[in-house]
Amino acid sequence: MTISLSTARILVVSRTPGDSAYMQDFFARIEGLPAPDFVVGKTVPADKYDLIVFDAHSLPLVPNIEAFTKLPDDIQAHYFLLDNYLRDTAKYIVFFGKHYHNLNQERCPSANSKFTLFARIRELIDFINHYKS
């Protein structure tokens, strides 16, 4: 089944309600894209989605494990959600944030601005349509 920008089913996972509001505003401004589903701070079944956007845009740069261990527990917990989605689904995940040292680059293209987030979503849709596993 081919997906397009106008048919993509997207799940957006944010850490806080404020971050989720930022993402809702971003997606509301993309013409022709169906409204994604938004969740805050939890894992939900991802079977009905074509891709996931993991929102870490407000989190600090995490260049190594030492920096990760110094993060507050709630921020570490948000990154553990990313691990859960990678472990429990086969979905591709667009990582929206600064550098994260433990990013699975085979399944998580990354974006660090609204411009690159839009580009990565379009590229990932194209990739999903053409890459046969």
N, C-alpha and C. Protein backbone atom coordinates (compact mmCIF):
# COMPACT_ATOMS: atom_id res chain seq x y z
N MET A 1 0.83 -1.18 0.00
CA MET A 1 0.00 0.00 0.00
C MET A 1 0.88 1.25 0.00
N THR A 2 0.65 2.12 -0.91
CA THR A 2 1.42 3.35 -1.02
C THR A 2 0.80 4.43 -0.13
N ILE A 3 1.66 5.15 0.56
CA ILE A 3 1.18 6.27 1.38
C ILE A 3 1.68 7.57 0.77
N SER A 4 1.00 8.64 1.09
CA SER A 4 1.40 9.96 0.61
C SER A 4 1.28 10.94 1.77
N LEU A 5 1.71 12.16 1.52
CA LEU A 5 1.58 13.19 2.55
C LEU A 5 0.12 13.37 2.94
N SER A 6 -0.79 13.20 1.98
CA SER A 6 -2.21 13.41 2.27
C SER A 6 -2.91 12.21 2.90
N THR A 7 -2.20 11.06 2.97
CA THR A 7 -2.81 9.88 3.59
C THR A 7 -2.01 9.34 4.77
N ALA A 8 -0.88 9.93 5.06
CA ALA A 8 0.01 9.41 6.11
C ALA A 8 -0.68 9.44 7.47
N ARG A 9 -0.57 8.33 8.16
CA ARG A 9 -1.08 8.22 9.53
C ARG A 9 0.12 8.35 10.46
N ILE A 10 0.15 9.44 11.22
CA ILE A 10 1.33 9.78 12.01
C ILE A 10 0.98 9.86 13.49
N LEU A 11 1.83 9.29 14.30
CA LEU A 11 1.75 9.42 15.75
C LEU A 11 2.87 10.34 16.20
N VAL A 12 2.54 11.34 17.01
CA VAL A 12 3.53 12.28 17.53
C VAL A 12 3.62 12.07 19.04
N VAL A 13 4.84 11.80 19.53
CA VAL A 13 5.06 11.54 20.95
C VAL A 13 5.87 12.69 21.53
N SER A 14 5.28 13.44 22.46
CA SER A 14 5.94 14.57 23.10
C SER A 14 6.12 14.30 24.59
N ARG A 15 6.98 15.11 25.22
CA ARG A 15 7.26 14.93 26.65
C ARG A 15 6.28 15.69 27.52
N THR A 16 5.87 16.88 27.11
CA THR A 16 5.02 17.73 27.94
C THR A 16 3.82 18.23 27.12
N PRO A 17 2.78 18.68 27.79
CA PRO A 17 1.66 19.29 27.06
C PRO A 17 2.11 20.51 26.24
N GLY A 18 3.03 21.30 26.75
CA GLY A 18 3.54 22.45 26.00
C GLY A 18 4.26 22.04 24.73
N ASP A 19 5.08 20.99 24.81
CA ASP A 19 5.75 20.47 23.61
C ASP A 19 4.72 19.93 22.62
N SER A 20 3.69 19.27 23.12
CA SER A 20 2.66 18.73 22.25
C SER A 20 1.90 19.87 21.55
N ALA A 21 1.64 20.95 22.26
CA ALA A 21 0.97 22.11 21.65
C ALA A 21 1.83 22.68 20.52
N TYR A 22 3.13 22.75 20.72
CA TYR A 22 4.06 23.22 19.68
C TYR A 22 3.95 22.33 18.44
N MET A 23 3.92 21.02 18.66
CA MET A 23 3.83 20.08 17.54
C MET A 23 2.46 20.16 16.86
N GLN A 24 1.40 20.33 17.63
CA GLN A 24 0.07 20.47 17.05
C GLN A 24 0.01 21.70 16.16
N ASP A 25 0.61 22.80 16.60
CA ASP A 25 0.65 24.01 15.79
C ASP A 25 1.43 23.77 14.49
N PHE A 26 2.57 23.08 14.60
CA PHE A 26 3.37 22.78 13.42
C PHE A 26 2.55 21.98 12.40
N PHE A 27 1.93 20.90 12.84
CA PHE A 27 1.21 20.04 11.91
C PHE A 27 -0.05 20.72 11.36
N ALA A 28 -0.66 21.59 12.13
CA ALA A 28 -1.85 22.31 11.65
C ALA A 28 -1.52 23.23 10.49
N ARG A 29 -0.26 23.62 10.37
CA ARG A 29 0.16 24.54 9.31
C ARG A 29 0.58 23.84 8.02
N ILE A 30 0.60 22.51 8.02
CA ILE A 30 0.99 21.76 6.82
C ILE A 30 -0.27 21.43 6.03
N GLU A 31 -0.41 22.08 4.91
CA GLU A 31 -1.59 21.91 4.06
C GLU A 31 -1.66 20.49 3.50
N GLY A 32 -2.83 19.89 3.60
CA GLY A 32 -3.05 18.58 2.99
C GLY A 32 -2.63 17.40 3.82
N LEU A 33 -2.06 17.62 5.00
CA LEU A 33 -1.64 16.51 5.86
C LEU A 33 -2.74 16.24 6.88
N PRO A 34 -3.21 15.00 6.97
CA PRO A 34 -4.21 14.70 7.99
C PRO A 34 -3.63 14.96 9.39
N ALA A 35 -4.47 15.39 10.31
CA ALA A 35 -4.01 15.66 11.67
C ALA A 35 -3.46 14.38 12.29
N PRO A 36 -2.24 14.43 12.81
CA PRO A 36 -1.69 13.25 13.49
C PRO A 36 -2.41 13.01 14.81
N ASP A 37 -2.13 11.89 15.42
CA ASP A 37 -2.53 11.65 16.80
C ASP A 37 -1.38 12.09 17.68
N PHE A 38 -1.68 12.73 18.79
CA PHE A 38 -0.67 13.27 19.70
C PHE A 38 -0.79 12.60 21.05
N VAL A 39 0.35 12.15 21.60
CA VAL A 39 0.38 11.60 22.95
C VAL A 39 1.49 12.29 23.72
N VAL A 40 1.30 12.35 25.03
CA VAL A 40 2.28 12.98 25.90
C VAL A 40 2.75 11.96 26.93
N GLY A 41 4.06 11.68 26.90
CA GLY A 41 4.70 10.91 27.95
C GLY A 41 4.27 9.47 28.12
N LYS A 42 3.83 8.83 27.05
CA LYS A 42 3.45 7.43 27.19
C LYS A 42 3.61 6.69 25.86
N THR A 43 3.63 5.39 25.97
CA THR A 43 3.69 4.52 24.81
C THR A 43 2.27 4.09 24.50
N VAL A 44 1.89 4.16 23.24
CA VAL A 44 0.58 3.66 22.80
C VAL A 44 0.83 2.69 21.65
N PRO A 45 -0.10 1.78 21.39
CA PRO A 45 0.07 0.87 20.24
C PRO A 45 0.25 1.67 18.95
N ALA A 46 1.21 1.26 18.15
CA ALA A 46 1.55 2.02 16.95
C ALA A 46 1.16 1.31 15.66
N ASP A 47 0.45 0.20 15.76
CA ASP A 47 0.13 -0.60 14.58
C ASP A 47 -0.60 0.18 13.50
N LYS A 48 -1.49 1.08 13.86
CA LYS A 48 -2.31 1.77 12.85
C LYS A 48 -1.62 2.97 12.22
N TYR A 49 -0.37 3.24 12.60
CA TYR A 49 0.36 4.39 12.08
C TYR A 49 1.37 3.98 11.02
N ASP A 50 1.62 4.90 10.09
CA ASP A 50 2.65 4.67 9.07
C ASP A 50 4.03 5.03 9.60
N LEU A 51 4.09 6.03 10.47
CA LEU A 51 5.36 6.46 11.05
C LEU A 51 5.10 7.21 12.35
N ILE A 52 6.16 7.39 13.11
CA ILE A 52 6.10 8.08 14.40
C ILE A 52 7.05 9.27 14.35
N VAL A 53 6.61 10.38 14.93
CA VAL A 53 7.50 11.52 15.15
C VAL A 53 7.76 11.58 16.65
N PHE A 54 9.02 11.41 17.02
CA PHE A 54 9.41 11.48 18.43
C PHE A 54 9.92 12.89 18.70
N ASP A 55 9.17 13.61 19.50
CA ASP A 55 9.44 15.02 19.77
C ASP A 55 10.39 15.19 20.94
N ALA A 56 11.60 15.63 20.64
CA ALA A 56 12.60 15.96 21.66
C ALA A 56 13.14 17.37 21.42
N HIS A 57 12.34 18.21 20.75
CA HIS A 57 12.83 19.52 20.30
C HIS A 57 13.24 20.44 21.46
N SER A 58 12.64 20.27 22.63
CA SER A 58 12.96 21.16 23.75
C SER A 58 14.03 20.57 24.67
N LEU A 59 14.53 19.40 24.34
CA LEU A 59 15.51 18.74 25.21
C LEU A 59 16.94 19.14 24.84
N PRO A 60 17.84 19.06 25.81
CA PRO A 60 19.23 19.45 25.53
C PRO A 60 19.97 18.42 24.67
N LEU A 61 21.04 18.86 24.09
CA LEU A 61 21.96 18.00 23.35
C LEU A 61 22.45 16.89 24.28
N VAL A 62 22.49 15.65 23.78
CA VAL A 62 22.96 14.51 24.57
C VAL A 62 24.05 13.81 23.78
N PRO A 63 25.30 14.30 23.88
CA PRO A 63 26.37 13.78 23.02
C PRO A 63 26.96 12.44 23.45
N ASN A 64 26.70 12.02 24.70
CA ASN A 64 27.30 10.77 25.19
C ASN A 64 26.53 10.25 26.40
N ILE A 65 26.89 9.06 26.85
CA ILE A 65 26.20 8.43 27.98
C ILE A 65 26.37 9.23 29.27
N GLU A 66 27.51 9.87 29.41
CA GLU A 66 27.74 10.68 30.62
C GLU A 66 26.74 11.83 30.68
N ALA A 67 26.51 12.48 29.57
CA ALA A 67 25.53 13.57 29.52
C ALA A 67 24.13 13.04 29.79
N PHE A 68 23.84 11.85 29.28
CA PHE A 68 22.53 11.25 29.50
C PHE A 68 22.28 10.99 30.98
N THR A 69 23.28 10.45 31.67
CA THR A 69 23.09 10.11 33.08
C THR A 69 22.92 11.35 33.96
N LYS A 70 23.32 12.50 33.46
CA LYS A 70 23.15 13.75 34.22
C LYS A 70 21.80 14.42 33.97
N LEU A 71 21.03 13.89 33.03
CA LEU A 71 19.71 14.47 32.74
C LEU A 71 18.73 14.17 33.87
N PRO A 72 17.78 15.06 34.10
CA PRO A 72 16.73 14.76 35.09
C PRO A 72 15.96 13.50 34.71
N ASP A 73 15.40 12.83 35.71
CA ASP A 73 14.71 11.56 35.49
C ASP A 73 13.60 11.66 34.45
N ASP A 74 12.85 12.78 34.44
CA ASP A 74 11.73 12.88 33.50
C ASP A 74 12.22 12.97 32.05
N ILE A 75 13.37 13.57 31.84
CA ILE A 75 13.91 13.64 30.48
C ILE A 75 14.47 12.28 30.07
N GLN A 76 15.15 11.61 31.00
CA GLN A 76 15.62 10.25 30.70
C GLN A 76 14.43 9.35 30.37
N ALA A 77 13.34 9.50 31.11
CA ALA A 77 12.15 8.68 30.87
C ALA A 77 11.60 8.91 29.46
N HIS A 78 11.67 10.14 28.99
CA HIS A 78 11.19 10.42 27.63
C HIS A 78 12.05 9.69 26.60
N TYR A 79 13.35 9.69 26.79
CA TYR A 79 14.21 8.94 25.87
C TYR A 79 13.96 7.43 25.97
N PHE A 80 13.59 6.95 27.15
CA PHE A 80 13.25 5.53 27.28
C PHE A 80 12.00 5.19 26.48
N LEU A 81 11.09 6.17 26.30
CA LEU A 81 9.93 5.95 25.43
C LEU A 81 10.39 5.66 24.00
N LEU A 82 11.40 6.40 23.55
CA LEU A 82 11.94 6.15 22.21
C LEU A 82 12.44 4.71 22.13
N ASP A 83 13.17 4.26 23.14
CA ASP A 83 13.64 2.87 23.17
C ASP A 83 12.48 1.89 23.09
N ASN A 84 11.38 2.19 23.82
CA ASN A 84 10.21 1.31 23.81
C ASN A 84 9.62 1.21 22.41
N TYR A 85 9.46 2.34 21.73
CA TYR A 85 8.90 2.31 20.37
C TYR A 85 9.81 1.55 19.42
N LEU A 86 11.10 1.70 19.58
CA LEU A 86 12.03 0.96 18.71
C LEU A 86 11.98 -0.53 18.99
N ARG A 87 11.86 -0.89 20.26
CA ARG A 87 11.83 -2.30 20.65
C ARG A 87 10.49 -2.95 20.31
N ASP A 88 9.39 -2.23 20.53
CA ASP A 88 8.06 -2.84 20.46
C ASP A 88 7.35 -2.66 19.13
N THR A 89 7.94 -1.90 18.20
CA THR A 89 7.32 -1.71 16.89
C THR A 89 8.38 -1.89 15.81
N ALA A 90 7.92 -2.00 14.59
CA ALA A 90 8.84 -2.03 13.45
C ALA A 90 8.76 -0.71 12.69
N LYS A 91 8.11 0.30 13.29
CA LYS A 91 7.88 1.58 12.62
C LYS A 91 9.16 2.40 12.52
N TYR A 92 9.21 3.21 11.47
CA TYR A 92 10.27 4.21 11.37
C TYR A 92 9.86 5.41 12.21
N ILE A 93 10.84 6.04 12.80
CA ILE A 93 10.60 7.14 13.73
C ILE A 93 11.44 8.34 13.33
N VAL A 94 10.79 9.47 13.08
CA VAL A 94 11.53 10.70 12.82
C VAL A 94 11.85 11.31 14.19
N PHE A 95 13.12 11.46 14.47
CA PHE A 95 13.57 12.07 15.72
C PHE A 95 13.67 13.57 15.51
N PHE A 96 12.88 14.34 16.25
CA PHE A 96 12.88 15.80 16.14
C PHE A 96 13.52 16.39 17.38
N GLY A 97 14.77 16.78 17.26
CA GLY A 97 15.50 17.34 18.40
C GLY A 97 16.96 17.53 18.08
N LYS A 98 17.68 17.90 19.11
CA LYS A 98 19.13 18.06 18.96
C LYS A 98 19.77 16.68 18.94
N HIS A 99 21.05 16.62 18.91
CA HIS A 99 21.78 15.35 18.85
C HIS A 99 21.48 14.47 20.06
N TYR A 100 21.24 13.19 19.80
CA TYR A 100 21.08 12.18 20.84
C TYR A 100 22.04 11.04 20.52
N HIS A 101 22.96 10.77 21.43
CA HIS A 101 24.07 9.84 21.17
C HIS A 101 23.62 8.42 20.85
N ASN A 102 22.47 8.01 21.34
CA ASN A 102 22.05 6.62 21.21
C ASN A 102 20.95 6.44 20.16
N LEU A 103 20.91 7.30 19.19
CA LEU A 103 19.87 7.25 18.17
C LEU A 103 20.11 6.09 17.20
N ASN A 104 19.07 5.33 16.93
CA ASN A 104 19.14 4.24 15.98
C ASN A 104 19.04 4.84 14.58
N GLN A 105 20.16 5.03 13.92
CA GLN A 105 20.18 5.73 12.64
C GLN A 105 19.57 4.93 11.50
N GLU A 106 19.40 3.63 11.66
CA GLU A 106 18.77 2.81 10.63
C GLU A 106 17.26 3.00 10.60
N ARG A 107 16.68 3.37 11.74
CA ARG A 107 15.22 3.52 11.81
C ARG A 107 14.76 4.92 12.20
N CYS A 108 15.71 5.80 12.48
CA CYS A 108 15.35 7.13 12.99
C CYS A 108 16.06 8.24 12.24
N PRO A 109 15.53 8.67 11.11
CA PRO A 109 16.11 9.88 10.52
C PRO A 109 15.85 11.04 11.50
N SER A 110 16.72 12.02 11.49
CA SER A 110 16.57 13.09 12.48
C SER A 110 16.40 14.45 11.83
N ALA A 111 15.75 15.32 12.58
CA ALA A 111 15.50 16.69 12.16
C ALA A 111 15.71 17.59 13.36
N ASN A 112 16.23 18.79 13.11
CA ASN A 112 16.46 19.71 14.23
C ASN A 112 15.80 21.07 14.04
N SER A 113 14.92 21.18 13.05
CA SER A 113 14.17 22.41 12.82
C SER A 113 12.84 22.04 12.16
N LYS A 114 11.90 22.98 12.14
CA LYS A 114 10.63 22.72 11.46
C LYS A 114 10.85 22.39 9.99
N PHE A 115 11.78 23.10 9.37
CA PHE A 115 12.08 22.88 7.96
C PHE A 115 12.55 21.45 7.72
N THR A 116 13.51 21.00 8.51
CA THR A 116 14.03 19.65 8.29
C THR A 116 13.05 18.59 8.77
N LEU A 117 12.20 18.91 9.76
CA LEU A 117 11.18 17.95 10.17
C LEU A 117 10.23 17.67 9.01
N PHE A 118 9.76 18.69 8.35
CA PHE A 118 8.89 18.51 7.19
C PHE A 118 9.60 17.70 6.11
N ALA A 119 10.85 18.04 5.85
CA ALA A 119 11.62 17.32 4.82
C ALA A 119 11.81 15.85 5.19
N ARG A 120 12.14 15.55 6.46
CA ARG A 120 12.34 14.16 6.87
C ARG A 120 11.05 13.37 6.77
N ILE A 121 9.91 13.98 7.10
CA ILE A 121 8.63 13.27 6.99
C ILE A 121 8.38 12.91 5.53
N ARG A 122 8.56 13.86 4.62
CA ARG A 122 8.35 13.59 3.19
C ARG A 122 9.33 12.53 2.69
N GLU A 123 10.59 12.64 3.08
CA GLU A 123 11.58 11.65 2.65
C GLU A 123 11.26 10.26 3.21
N LEU A 124 10.81 10.21 4.44
CA LEU A 124 10.50 8.91 5.04
C LEU A 124 9.30 8.26 4.35
N ILE A 125 8.29 9.06 4.01
CA ILE A 125 7.15 8.52 3.26
C ILE A 125 7.63 7.94 1.93
N ASP A 126 8.48 8.67 1.23
CA ASP A 126 9.02 8.19 -0.04
C ASP A 126 9.83 6.90 0.17
N PHE A 127 10.65 6.87 1.20
CA PHE A 127 11.45 5.69 1.51
C PHE A 127 10.55 4.49 1.80
N ILE A 128 9.54 4.67 2.64
CA ILE A 128 8.63 3.58 2.99
C ILE A 128 7.98 3.01 1.72
N ASN A 129 7.61 3.89 0.81
CA ASN A 129 6.96 3.45 -0.43
C ASN A 129 7.89 2.68 -1.36
N HIS A 130 9.17 2.92 -1.29
CA HIS A 130 10.09 2.31 -2.25
C HIS A 130 11.03 1.24 -1.69
N TYR A 131 11.25 1.23 -0.40
CA TYR A 131 12.18 0.26 0.19
C TYR A 131 11.42 -1.01 0.57
N LYS A 132 11.81 -2.11 0.01
CA LYS A 132 11.17 -3.39 0.29
C LYS A 132 12.09 -4.21 1.18
N SER A 133 11.55 -4.56 2.36
CA SER A 133 12.39 -5.34 3.29
C SER A 133 12.35 -6.82 3.00
